[in-house]
Amino acid sequence: MDKAISYIKENANTEKPFFVYLPLAAPHNPILPIGKWKGKSEINPYADFVIMIDDLMGRIFETIEAQGIEENTLVIFTSDNGCSNQADIPMLQKNGHYPSYIYKGLKGSYFEGGHRVPFLVKWPKVIKPNSISDATICTTDFIATCADIIGYTFNEAEAEDSFSMLPLLTEQGAYKREATVHHSKSGIFAIWKGDWKLIVSPNSGLNAADKKEKIRKVLPDNMLYNLNADPKEQNNLALEHPEKVKELRQLLIKYVLDGRSTPGRIQKNDSIFFLWPQIEFSADVTQDE
């Protein structure tokens, strides 16, 4: 953090724009709040960790403001996954804090609690204060957004899954993301398009040791949820909507085989070691409990 602040001070008023990527180690495992933040929350170490991050981000904003560059500096604060299961969730909930809010799952899960995270942006010269978007975005969109801002054009083999978020930030133009793909820590894939989310082959994951993930119960090959009507992902609609299962499954297969989700020339994947993209769609799905 100190180096990031020094870098901002050194580059704030130079002729060229500067870029800082600050991947904070907290709040993440191991949960180790330091110094004055230990016990600060009076809840548990994870809550202390969160307060520590709030303070550190406050220092970043104070530095930017002190350099006189606040109006035209873009600051993005987000995370790449949900809350750690090491955070003592019961204790947090006992104190009125629900890290995943209403959503199912935590970090590493293919459910919404594993991926739906805060995404906060500040850019006073460009972004209207207190503006909100309900668009589904992905952190892969960072690279296309930065390219859009500086006027860089990608070649065919760059940013194959990145869409510029600049139209959302400026409220001008169209954000072109068709669907969003994500996966669990064991490589189980899901695809989200519009109100619908499909989780495919949930029994097929491999853990970090490249071994079959142990599962508590066998799940249906397709789990389909309407996130608008059922944000908690409690009602699998695969049986009721086989046409939607087919649509989303085929779109996911297309992305894999095309090596991209953006328009452009087909790109070769580094590897395709799983079987489900090569399997014909079948309406023979089973309902989960």
C-alpha atoms as a PDB file:
ATOM      1  CA  MET A   1       0.000   0.000   0.000  1.00  0.00           C
ATOM      2  CA  ASP A   2       2.791   2.453   0.882  1.00  0.00           C
ATOM      3  CA  LYS A   3       4.463   1.782  -2.483  1.00  0.00           C
ATOM      4  CA  ALA A   4       1.175   2.356  -4.315  1.00  0.00           C
ATOM      5  CA  ILE A   5       0.721   5.691  -2.566  1.00  0.00           C
ATOM      6  CA  SER A   6       4.319   6.700  -3.359  1.00  0.00           C
ATOM      7  CA  TYR A   7       3.777   5.748  -7.013  1.00  0.00           C
ATOM      8  CA  ILE A   8       0.645   7.879  -7.229  1.00  0.00           C
ATOM      9  CA  LYS A   9       2.467  10.864  -5.744  1.00  0.00           C
ATOM     10  CA  GLU A  10       5.399  10.436  -8.136  1.00  0.00           C
ATOM     11  CA  ASN A  11       3.237  10.148 -11.255  1.00  0.00           C
ATOM     12  CA  ALA A  12       0.221  12.291 -10.448  1.00  0.00           C
ATOM     13  CA  ASN A  13       1.312  15.352 -12.348  1.00  0.00           C
ATOM     14  CA  THR A  14       3.526  13.944 -15.080  1.00  0.00           C
ATOM     15  CA  GLU A  15       2.609  14.304 -18.741  1.00  0.00           C
ATOM     16  CA  LYS A  16       1.640  10.652 -19.197  1.00  0.00           C
ATOM     17  CA  PRO A  17      -1.321   9.008 -17.426  1.00  0.00           C
ATOM     18  CA  PHE A  18      -0.406   6.406 -14.833  1.00  0.00           C
ATOM     19  CA  PHE A  19      -1.896   2.997 -14.036  1.00  0.00           C
ATOM     20  CA  VAL A  20      -1.951   1.225 -10.678  1.00  0.00           C
ATOM     21  CA  TYR A  21      -3.134  -2.350 -10.151  1.00  0.00           C
ATOM     22  CA  LEU A  22      -3.371  -3.007  -6.424  1.00  0.00           C
ATOM     23  CA  PRO A  23      -4.314  -6.663  -5.688  1.00  0.00           C
ATOM     24  CA  LEU A  24      -4.877  -6.469  -1.960  1.00  0.00           C
ATOM     25  CA  ALA A  25      -4.115  -9.640  -0.025  1.00  0.00           C
ATOM     26  CA  ALA A  26      -7.083  -8.914   2.247  1.00  0.00           C
ATOM     27  CA  PRO A  27      -9.771  -9.805   2.902  1.00  0.00           C
ATOM     28  CA  HIS A  28      -8.487 -13.247   1.942  1.00  0.00           C
ATOM     29  CA  ASN A  29      -6.896 -16.276   3.512  1.00  0.00           C
ATOM     30  CA  PRO A  30      -4.939 -16.199   5.711  1.00  0.00           C
ATOM     31  CA  ILE A  31      -7.136 -13.844   7.744  1.00  0.00           C
ATOM     32  CA  LEU A  32      -4.542 -11.728   9.519  1.00  0.00           C
ATOM     33  CA  PRO A  33      -5.548  -8.157  10.401  1.00  0.00           C
ATOM     34  CA  ILE A  34      -2.523  -6.216  11.582  1.00  0.00           C
ATOM     35  CA  GLY A  35      -1.689  -3.570  14.140  1.00  0.00           C
ATOM     36  CA  LYS A  36      -4.450  -1.198  15.173  1.00  0.00           C
ATOM     37  CA  TRP A  37      -7.100  -3.166  13.271  1.00  0.00           C
ATOM     38  CA  LYS A  38      -6.877  -6.272  15.457  1.00  0.00           C
ATOM     39  CA  GLY A  39     -10.117  -6.436  17.424  1.00  0.00           C
ATOM     40  CA  LYS A  40     -11.362  -3.187  15.872  1.00  0.00           C
ATOM     41  CA  SER A  41     -14.697  -4.646  14.731  1.00  0.00           C
ATOM     42  CA  GLU A  42     -15.408  -6.373  18.039  1.00  0.00           C
ATOM     43  CA  ILE A  43     -16.811  -9.228  15.912  1.00  0.00           C
ATOM     44  CA  ASN A  44     -14.003 -11.414  14.553  1.00  0.00           C
ATOM     45  CA  PRO A  45     -10.694 -11.176  12.628  1.00  0.00           C
ATOM     46  CA  TYR A  46     -12.407 -11.212   9.237  1.00  0.00           C
ATOM     47  CA  ALA A  47     -14.507  -8.181  10.140  1.00  0.00           C
ATOM     48  CA  ASP A  48     -11.304  -6.503  11.372  1.00  0.00           C
ATOM     49  CA  PHE A  49      -9.777  -7.309   7.978  1.00  0.00           C
ATOM     50  CA  VAL A  50     -12.642  -5.572   6.156  1.00  0.00           C
ATOM     51  CA  ILE A  51     -12.261  -2.445   8.297  1.00  0.00           C
ATOM     52  CA  MET A  52      -8.539  -2.473   7.527  1.00  0.00           C
ATOM     53  CA  ILE A  53      -9.281  -2.466   3.790  1.00  0.00           C
ATOM     54  CA  ASP A  54     -11.721   0.419   4.215  1.00  0.00           C
ATOM     55  CA  ASP A  55      -8.981   2.419   5.926  1.00  0.00           C
ATOM     56  CA  LEU A  56      -6.384   1.601   3.270  1.00  0.00           C
ATOM     57  CA  MET A  57      -8.752   2.616   0.466  1.00  0.00           C
ATOM     58  CA  GLY A  58      -9.417   5.830   2.337  1.00  0.00           C
ATOM     59  CA  ARG A  59      -5.679   6.566   2.201  1.00  0.00           C
ATOM     60  CA  ILE A  60      -5.719   6.009  -1.587  1.00  0.00           C
ATOM     61  CA  PHE A  61      -8.585   8.473  -2.063  1.00  0.00           C
ATOM     62  CA  GLU A  62      -6.936  11.038   0.223  1.00  0.00           C
ATOM     63  CA  THR A  63      -3.707  10.771  -1.769  1.00  0.00           C
ATOM     64  CA  ILE A  64      -5.465  11.262  -5.108  1.00  0.00           C
ATOM     65  CA  GLU A  65      -7.364  14.250  -3.767  1.00  0.00           C
ATOM     66  CA  ALA A  66      -4.224  15.794  -2.252  1.00  0.00           C
ATOM     67  CA  GLN A  67      -2.467  15.605  -5.634  1.00  0.00           C
ATOM     68  CA  GLY A  68      -5.283  17.572  -7.275  1.00  0.00           C
ATOM     69  CA  ILE A  69      -6.162  14.831  -9.755  1.00  0.00           C
ATOM     70  CA  GLU A  70      -9.408  13.565  -8.264  1.00  0.00           C
ATOM     71  CA  GLU A  71     -11.706  14.831 -11.052  1.00  0.00           C
ATOM     72  CA  ASN A  72     -10.017  12.963 -13.883  1.00  0.00           C
ATOM     73  CA  THR A  73      -8.758   9.836 -12.112  1.00  0.00           C
ATOM     74  CA  LEU A  74     -10.638   6.587 -12.618  1.00  0.00           C
ATOM     75  CA  VAL A  75     -10.748   4.384  -9.504  1.00  0.00           C
ATOM     76  CA  ILE A  76     -12.343   0.932  -9.549  1.00  0.00           C
ATOM     77  CA  PHE A  77     -12.892  -1.162  -6.430  1.00  0.00           C
ATOM     78  CA  THR A  78     -14.068  -4.751  -6.783  1.00  0.00           C
ATOM     79  CA  SER A  79     -13.255  -8.391  -6.051  1.00  0.00           C
ATOM     80  CA  ASP A  80     -12.801 -11.512  -8.151  1.00  0.00           C
ATOM     81  CA  ASN A  81     -14.880 -13.818  -5.946  1.00  0.00           C
ATOM     82  CA  GLY A  82     -17.167 -14.067  -2.944  1.00  0.00           C
ATOM     83  CA  CYS A  83     -16.389 -14.294   0.754  1.00  0.00           C
ATOM     84  CA  SER A  84     -14.015 -16.948   2.082  1.00  0.00           C
ATOM     85  CA  ASN A  85     -15.553 -19.846   3.984  1.00  0.00           C
ATOM     86  CA  GLN A  86     -12.819 -19.286   6.583  1.00  0.00           C
ATOM     87  CA  ALA A  87     -14.439 -16.002   7.679  1.00  0.00           C
ATOM     88  CA  ASP A  88     -16.523 -17.597  10.473  1.00  0.00           C
ATOM     89  CA  ILE A  89     -19.799 -16.929   8.665  1.00  0.00           C
ATOM     90  CA  PRO A  90     -22.038 -17.857  11.652  1.00  0.00           C
ATOM     91  CA  MET A  91     -20.351 -15.208  13.790  1.00  0.00           C
ATOM     92  CA  LEU A  92     -20.731 -12.583  11.059  1.00  0.00           C
ATOM     93  CA  GLN A  93     -24.406 -13.444  10.621  1.00  0.00           C
ATOM     94  CA  LYS A  94     -24.960 -13.359  14.384  1.00  0.00           C
ATOM     95  CA  ASN A  95     -23.813  -9.739  14.230  1.00  0.00           C
ATOM     96  CA  GLY A  96     -26.085  -8.869  11.327  1.00  0.00           C
ATOM     97  CA  HIS A  97     -23.587  -9.220   8.468  1.00  0.00           C
ATOM     98  CA  TYR A  98     -24.338 -11.587   5.587  1.00  0.00           C
ATOM     99  CA  PRO A  99     -21.287 -11.626   3.263  1.00  0.00           C
ATOM    100  CA  SER A 100     -23.185 -13.255   0.396  1.00  0.00           C
ATOM    101  CA  TYR A 101     -26.344 -11.209   1.113  1.00  0.00           C
ATOM    102  CA  ILE A 102     -29.292 -13.336  -0.082  1.00  0.00           C
ATOM    103  CA  TYR A 103     -27.235 -15.417  -2.502  1.00  0.00           C
ATOM    104  CA  LYS A 104     -26.233 -19.065  -2.227  1.00  0.00           C
ATOM    105  CA  GLY A 105     -22.576 -20.030  -1.983  1.00  0.00           C
ATOM    106  CA  LEU A 106     -19.232 -18.530  -1.014  1.00  0.00           C
ATOM    107  CA  LYS A 107     -15.834 -18.136  -2.650  1.00  0.00           C
ATOM    108  CA  GLY A 108     -15.082 -20.967  -5.063  1.00  0.00           C
ATOM    109  CA  SER A 109     -18.731 -21.788  -5.730  1.00  0.00           C
ATOM    110  CA  TYR A 110     -20.545 -21.697  -9.078  1.00  0.00           C
ATOM    111  CA  PHE A 111     -23.553 -20.228  -7.257  1.00  0.00           C
ATOM    112  CA  GLU A 112     -24.098 -16.461  -7.153  1.00  0.00           C
ATOM    113  CA  GLY A 113     -22.529 -15.994  -3.730  1.00  0.00           C
ATOM    114  CA  GLY A 114     -19.257 -17.190  -5.211  1.00  0.00           C
ATOM    115  CA  HIS A 115     -19.089 -14.546  -7.935  1.00  0.00           C
ATOM    116  CA  ARG A 116     -21.536 -11.686  -7.390  1.00  0.00           C
ATOM    117  CA  VAL A 117     -19.425  -8.972  -5.756  1.00  0.00           C
ATOM    118  CA  PRO A 118     -19.449  -5.180  -5.246  1.00  0.00           C
ATOM    119  CA  PHE A 119     -18.231  -3.133  -8.204  1.00  0.00           C
ATOM    120  CA  LEU A 120     -17.695   0.525  -7.357  1.00  0.00           C
ATOM    121  CA  VAL A 121     -16.330   3.131  -9.745  1.00  0.00           C
ATOM    122  CA  LYS A 122     -15.365   6.763  -9.218  1.00  0.00           C
ATOM    123  CA  TRP A 123     -14.463   9.110 -12.087  1.00  0.00           C
ATOM    124  CA  PRO A 124     -16.036  12.523 -11.362  1.00  0.00           C
ATOM    125  CA  LYS A 125     -15.202  14.084 -14.733  1.00  0.00           C
ATOM    126  CA  VAL A 126     -16.884  11.255 -16.653  1.00  0.00           C
ATOM    127  CA  ILE A 127     -19.316   9.335 -14.441  1.00  0.00           C
ATOM    128  CA  LYS A 128     -22.527  10.876 -13.172  1.00  0.00           C
ATOM    129  CA  PRO A 129     -22.576  10.885  -9.337  1.00  0.00           C
ATOM    130  CA  ASN A 130     -24.729   8.173  -7.683  1.00  0.00           C
ATOM    131  CA  SER A 131     -25.444   6.480 -11.016  1.00  0.00           C
ATOM    132  CA  ILE A 132     -26.291   2.767 -10.953  1.00  0.00           C
ATOM    133  CA  SER A 133     -26.302   0.065 -13.611  1.00  0.00           C
ATOM    134  CA  ASP A 134     -27.941  -3.350 -13.318  1.00  0.00           C
ATOM    135  CA  ALA A 135     -25.963  -4.769 -16.261  1.00  0.00           C
ATOM    136  CA  THR A 136     -24.075  -8.011 -15.718  1.00  0.00           C
ATOM    137  CA  ILE A 137     -20.381  -7.299 -16.185  1.00  0.00           C
ATOM    138  CA  CYS A 138     -17.238  -9.384 -15.744  1.00  0.00           C
ATOM    139  CA  THR A 139     -13.745  -8.498 -14.570  1.00  0.00           C
ATOM    140  CA  THR A 140     -12.456  -9.734 -17.932  1.00  0.00           C
ATOM    141  CA  ASP A 141     -13.975  -6.505 -19.262  1.00  0.00           C
ATOM    142  CA  PHE A 142     -11.249  -4.405 -17.647  1.00  0.00           C
ATOM    143  CA  ILE A 143      -8.828  -4.824 -20.531  1.00  0.00           C
ATOM    144  CA  ALA A 144     -11.328  -3.792 -23.228  1.00  0.00           C
ATOM    145  CA  THR A 145     -12.460  -0.851 -21.119  1.00  0.00           C
ATOM    146  CA  CYS A 146      -8.904   0.430 -20.680  1.00  0.00           C
ATOM    147  CA  ALA A 147      -8.256  -0.083 -24.392  1.00  0.00           C
ATOM    148  CA  ASP A 148     -11.410   1.878 -25.215  1.00  0.00           C
ATOM    149  CA  ILE A 149     -10.337   4.756 -22.988  1.00  0.00           C
ATOM    150  CA  ILE A 150      -6.899   5.109 -24.597  1.00  0.00           C
ATOM    151  CA  GLY A 151      -8.001   4.254 -28.154  1.00  0.00           C
ATOM    152  CA  TYR A 152      -6.113   0.960 -28.480  1.00  0.00           C
ATOM    153  CA  THR A 153      -7.293  -1.576 -31.079  1.00  0.00           C
ATOM    154  CA  PHE A 154      -6.882  -5.273 -30.289  1.00  0.00           C
ATOM    155  CA  ASN A 155      -5.533  -7.813 -32.734  1.00  0.00           C
ATOM    156  CA  GLU A 156      -7.468 -11.037 -33.321  1.00  0.00           C
ATOM    157  CA  ALA A 157      -5.735 -12.932 -30.510  1.00  0.00           C
ATOM    158  CA  GLU A 158      -6.174 -10.326 -27.770  1.00  0.00           C
ATOM    159  CA  ALA A 159      -8.961  -9.857 -25.205  1.00  0.00           C
ATOM    160  CA  GLU A 160     -11.157 -12.539 -26.754  1.00  0.00           C
ATOM    161  CA  ASP A 161     -13.622 -12.412 -23.840  1.00  0.00           C
ATOM    162  CA  SER A 162     -13.505  -8.735 -22.946  1.00  0.00           C
ATOM    163  CA  PHE A 163     -16.169  -6.095 -23.650  1.00  0.00           C
ATOM    164  CA  SER A 164     -15.753  -2.401 -22.944  1.00  0.00           C
ATOM    165  CA  MET A 165     -17.732  -1.123 -19.976  1.00  0.00           C
ATOM    166  CA  LEU A 166     -17.216   2.489 -21.068  1.00  0.00           C
ATOM    167  CA  PRO A 167     -20.780   2.781 -22.470  1.00  0.00           C
ATOM    168  CA  LEU A 168     -22.112   1.868 -19.020  1.00  0.00           C
ATOM    169  CA  LEU A 169     -19.846   4.362 -17.277  1.00  0.00           C
ATOM    170  CA  THR A 170     -20.614   7.227 -19.638  1.00  0.00           C
ATOM    171  CA  GLU A 171     -24.241   6.220 -20.322  1.00  0.00           C
ATOM    172  CA  GLN A 172     -23.453   6.573 -24.020  1.00  0.00           C
ATOM    173  CA  GLY A 173     -23.550   3.748 -26.535  1.00  0.00           C
ATOM    174  CA  ALA A 174     -24.256   0.065 -26.022  1.00  0.00           C
ATOM    175  CA  TYR A 175     -22.539  -2.456 -23.770  1.00  0.00           C
ATOM    176  CA  LYS A 176     -22.137  -5.492 -26.021  1.00  0.00           C
ATOM    177  CA  ARG A 177     -21.706  -8.437 -23.646  1.00  0.00           C
ATOM    178  CA  GLU A 178     -24.109 -11.202 -24.721  1.00  0.00           C
ATOM    179  CA  ALA A 179     -23.540 -13.612 -21.842  1.00  0.00           C
ATOM    180  CA  THR A 180     -21.188 -14.194 -18.928  1.00  0.00           C
ATOM    181  CA  VAL A 181     -19.269 -17.413 -18.266  1.00  0.00           C
ATOM    182  CA  HIS A 182     -17.744 -18.327 -14.922  1.00  0.00           C
ATOM    183  CA  HIS A 183     -16.740 -21.473 -13.085  1.00  0.00           C
ATOM    184  CA  SER A 184     -16.163 -22.923  -9.652  1.00  0.00           C
ATOM    185  CA  LYS A 185     -12.757 -23.605  -8.117  1.00  0.00           C
ATOM    186  CA  SER A 186     -13.116 -27.178  -9.364  1.00  0.00           C
ATOM    187  CA  GLY A 187     -13.764 -26.073 -12.952  1.00  0.00           C
ATOM    188  CA  ILE A 188     -17.535 -26.550 -13.101  1.00  0.00           C
ATOM    189  CA  PHE A 189     -18.863 -24.056 -15.642  1.00  0.00           C
ATOM    190  CA  ALA A 190     -21.913 -21.816 -15.631  1.00  0.00           C
ATOM    191  CA  ILE A 191     -23.256 -19.386 -18.220  1.00  0.00           C
ATOM    192  CA  TRP A 192     -25.545 -16.435 -17.517  1.00  0.00           C
ATOM    193  CA  LYS A 193     -27.583 -14.702 -20.234  1.00  0.00           C
ATOM    194  CA  GLY A 194     -30.401 -12.292 -19.487  1.00  0.00           C
ATOM    195  CA  ASP A 195     -32.428 -13.628 -16.561  1.00  0.00           C
ATOM    196  CA  TRP A 196     -31.209 -17.189 -17.045  1.00  0.00           C
ATOM    197  CA  LYS A 197     -28.222 -19.053 -15.644  1.00  0.00           C
ATOM    198  CA  LEU A 198     -27.207 -22.601 -16.533  1.00  0.00           C
ATOM    199  CA  ILE A 199     -24.754 -24.700 -14.515  1.00  0.00           C
ATOM    200  CA  VAL A 200     -23.470 -27.640 -16.538  1.00  0.00           C
ATOM    201  CA  SER A 201     -22.063 -31.004 -15.429  1.00  0.00           C
ATOM    202  CA  PRO A 202     -21.879 -30.100 -11.712  1.00  0.00           C
ATOM    203  CA  ASN A 203     -20.567 -33.579 -10.816  1.00  0.00           C
ATOM    204  CA  SER A 204     -17.535 -33.360 -13.086  1.00  0.00           C
ATOM    205  CA  GLY A 205     -15.199 -30.986 -11.238  1.00  0.00           C
ATOM    206  CA  LEU A 206     -11.511 -31.587 -10.527  1.00  0.00           C
ATOM    207  CA  ASN A 207      -9.815 -30.179  -7.437  1.00  0.00           C
ATOM    208  CA  ALA A 208      -6.458 -28.412  -7.262  1.00  0.00           C
ATOM    209  CA  ALA A 209      -4.696 -31.790  -7.226  1.00  0.00           C
ATOM    210  CA  ASP A 210      -6.373 -32.647 -10.553  1.00  0.00           C
ATOM    211  CA  LYS A 211      -8.496 -35.306  -8.857  1.00  0.00           C
ATOM    212  CA  LYS A 212     -12.261 -35.799  -8.997  1.00  0.00           C
ATOM    213  CA  GLU A 213     -13.936 -33.432  -6.566  1.00  0.00           C
ATOM    214  CA  LYS A 214     -15.771 -35.166  -3.740  1.00  0.00           C
ATOM    215  CA  ILE A 215     -19.477 -34.296  -3.828  1.00  0.00           C
ATOM    216  CA  ARG A 216     -22.106 -34.689  -1.113  1.00  0.00           C
ATOM    217  CA  LYS A 217     -24.859 -35.704  -3.504  1.00  0.00           C
ATOM    218  CA  VAL A 218     -25.200 -36.381  -7.199  1.00  0.00           C
ATOM    219  CA  LEU A 219     -26.730 -33.401  -8.998  1.00  0.00           C
ATOM    220  CA  PRO A 220     -28.517 -33.271 -12.370  1.00  0.00           C
ATOM    221  CA  ASP A 221     -26.318 -32.642 -15.395  1.00  0.00           C
ATOM    222  CA  ASN A 222     -28.063 -29.307 -16.001  1.00  0.00           C
ATOM    223  CA  MET A 223     -29.155 -26.818 -13.338  1.00  0.00           C
ATOM    224  CA  LEU A 224     -31.155 -23.903 -14.727  1.00  0.00           C
ATOM    225  CA  TYR A 225     -32.215 -20.870 -12.708  1.00  0.00           C
ATOM    226  CA  ASN A 226     -34.146 -17.701 -13.488  1.00  0.00           C
ATOM    227  CA  LEU A 227     -32.117 -15.217 -11.472  1.00  0.00           C
ATOM    228  CA  ASN A 228     -34.736 -12.487 -11.759  1.00  0.00           C
ATOM    229  CA  ALA A 229     -37.471 -14.629 -10.200  1.00  0.00           C
ATOM    230  CA  ASP A 230     -35.180 -16.843  -8.121  1.00  0.00           C
ATOM    231  CA  PRO A 231     -31.968 -14.999  -7.164  1.00  0.00           C
ATOM    232  CA  LYS A 232     -31.312 -17.522  -4.367  1.00  0.00           C
ATOM    233  CA  GLU A 233     -31.034 -20.340  -6.951  1.00  0.00           C
ATOM    234  CA  GLN A 234     -33.452 -22.649  -5.173  1.00  0.00           C
ATOM    235  CA  ASN A 235     -35.650 -23.881  -8.020  1.00  0.00           C
ATOM    236  CA  ASN A 236     -33.986 -25.838 -10.830  1.00  0.00           C
ATOM    237  CA  LEU A 237     -36.096 -25.245 -13.970  1.00  0.00           C
ATOM    238  CA  ALA A 238     -34.190 -27.519 -16.347  1.00  0.00           C
ATOM    239  CA  LEU A 239     -37.131 -29.886 -16.703  1.00  0.00           C
ATOM    240  CA  GLU A 240     -39.608 -27.093 -17.376  1.00  0.00           C
ATOM    241  CA  HIS A 241     -37.424 -25.253 -19.886  1.00  0.00           C
ATOM    242  CA  PRO A 242     -35.361 -27.762 -21.915  1.00  0.00           C
ATOM    243  CA  GLU A 243     -35.226 -25.258 -24.800  1.00  0.00           C
ATOM    244  CA  LYS A 244     -33.452 -22.723 -22.551  1.00  0.00           C
ATOM    245  CA  VAL A 245     -31.030 -25.426 -21.357  1.00  0.00           C
ATOM    246  CA  LYS A 246     -30.259 -26.247 -24.983  1.00  0.00           C
ATOM    247  CA  GLU A 247     -29.801 -22.570 -25.937  1.00  0.00           C
ATOM    248  CA  LEU A 248     -27.390 -21.778 -23.109  1.00  0.00           C
ATOM    249  CA  ARG A 249     -25.494 -25.062 -23.353  1.00  0.00           C
ATOM    250  CA  GLN A 250     -24.961 -24.578 -27.083  1.00  0.00           C
ATOM    251  CA  LEU A 251     -23.836 -20.976 -26.555  1.00  0.00           C
ATOM    252  CA  LEU A 252     -21.286 -22.112 -23.978  1.00  0.00           C
ATOM    253  CA  ILE A 253     -20.041 -24.823 -26.336  1.00  0.00           C
ATOM    254  CA  LYS A 254     -19.748 -22.227 -29.115  1.00  0.00           C
ATOM    255  CA  TYR A 255     -17.624 -19.967 -26.908  1.00  0.00           C
ATOM    256  CA  VAL A 256     -15.325 -22.879 -26.054  1.00  0.00           C
ATOM    257  CA  LEU A 257     -14.928 -24.083 -29.626  1.00  0.00           C
ATOM    258  CA  ASP A 258     -14.570 -20.538 -31.008  1.00  0.00           C
ATOM    259  CA  GLY A 259     -11.959 -19.696 -28.388  1.00  0.00           C
ATOM    260  CA  ARG A 260     -13.763 -16.409 -27.751  1.00  0.00           C
ATOM    261  CA  SER A 261     -17.069 -14.754 -26.874  1.00  0.00           C
ATOM    262  CA  THR A 262     -16.335 -11.505 -28.710  1.00  0.00           C
ATOM    263  CA  PRO A 263     -16.796 -11.163 -32.483  1.00  0.00           C
ATOM    264  CA  GLY A 264     -13.733 -12.089 -34.497  1.00  0.00           C
ATOM    265  CA  ARG A 265     -11.651 -14.861 -35.956  1.00  0.00           C
ATOM    266  CA  ILE A 266     -11.849 -18.232 -34.201  1.00  0.00           C
ATOM    267  CA  GLN A 267      -8.979 -18.736 -31.770  1.00  0.00           C
ATOM    268  CA  LYS A 268      -7.485 -22.049 -30.697  1.00  0.00           C
ATOM    269  CA  ASN A 269      -7.919 -22.861 -27.028  1.00  0.00           C
ATOM    270  CA  ASP A 270      -4.825 -23.807 -25.053  1.00  0.00           C
ATOM    271  CA  SER A 271      -6.519 -27.116 -24.280  1.00  0.00           C
ATOM    272  CA  ILE A 272      -9.934 -28.737 -24.326  1.00  0.00           C
ATOM    273  CA  PHE A 273      -9.611 -31.660 -21.946  1.00  0.00           C
ATOM    274  CA  PHE A 274     -13.217 -32.095 -20.884  1.00  0.00           C
ATOM    275  CA  LEU A 275     -15.941 -34.056 -22.639  1.00  0.00           C
ATOM    276  CA  TRP A 276     -19.169 -32.133 -22.246  1.00  0.00           C
ATOM    277  CA  PRO A 277     -18.674 -29.675 -25.168  1.00  0.00           C
ATOM    278  CA  GLN A 278     -18.570 -32.650 -27.525  1.00  0.00           C
ATOM    279  CA  ILE A 279     -21.763 -34.249 -26.182  1.00  0.00           C
ATOM    280  CA  GLU A 280     -25.032 -33.785 -28.065  1.00  0.00           C
ATOM    281  CA  PHE A 281     -27.762 -32.030 -26.092  1.00  0.00           C
ATOM    282  CA  SER A 282     -30.221 -34.381 -24.435  1.00  0.00           C
ATOM    283  CA  ALA A 283     -33.599 -33.456 -22.932  1.00  0.00           C
ATOM    284  CA  ASP A 284     -33.236 -36.348 -20.489  1.00  0.00           C
ATOM    285  CA  VAL A 285     -32.496 -34.194 -17.429  1.00  0.00           C
ATOM    286  CA  THR A 286     -33.356 -35.010 -13.834  1.00  0.00           C
ATOM    287  CA  GLN A 287     -34.652 -32.640 -11.181  1.00  0.00           C
ATOM    288  CA  ASP A 288     -32.528 -31.989  -8.107  1.00  0.00           C
ATOM    289  CA  GLU A 289     -33.937 -31.994  -4.586  1.00  0.00           C
END
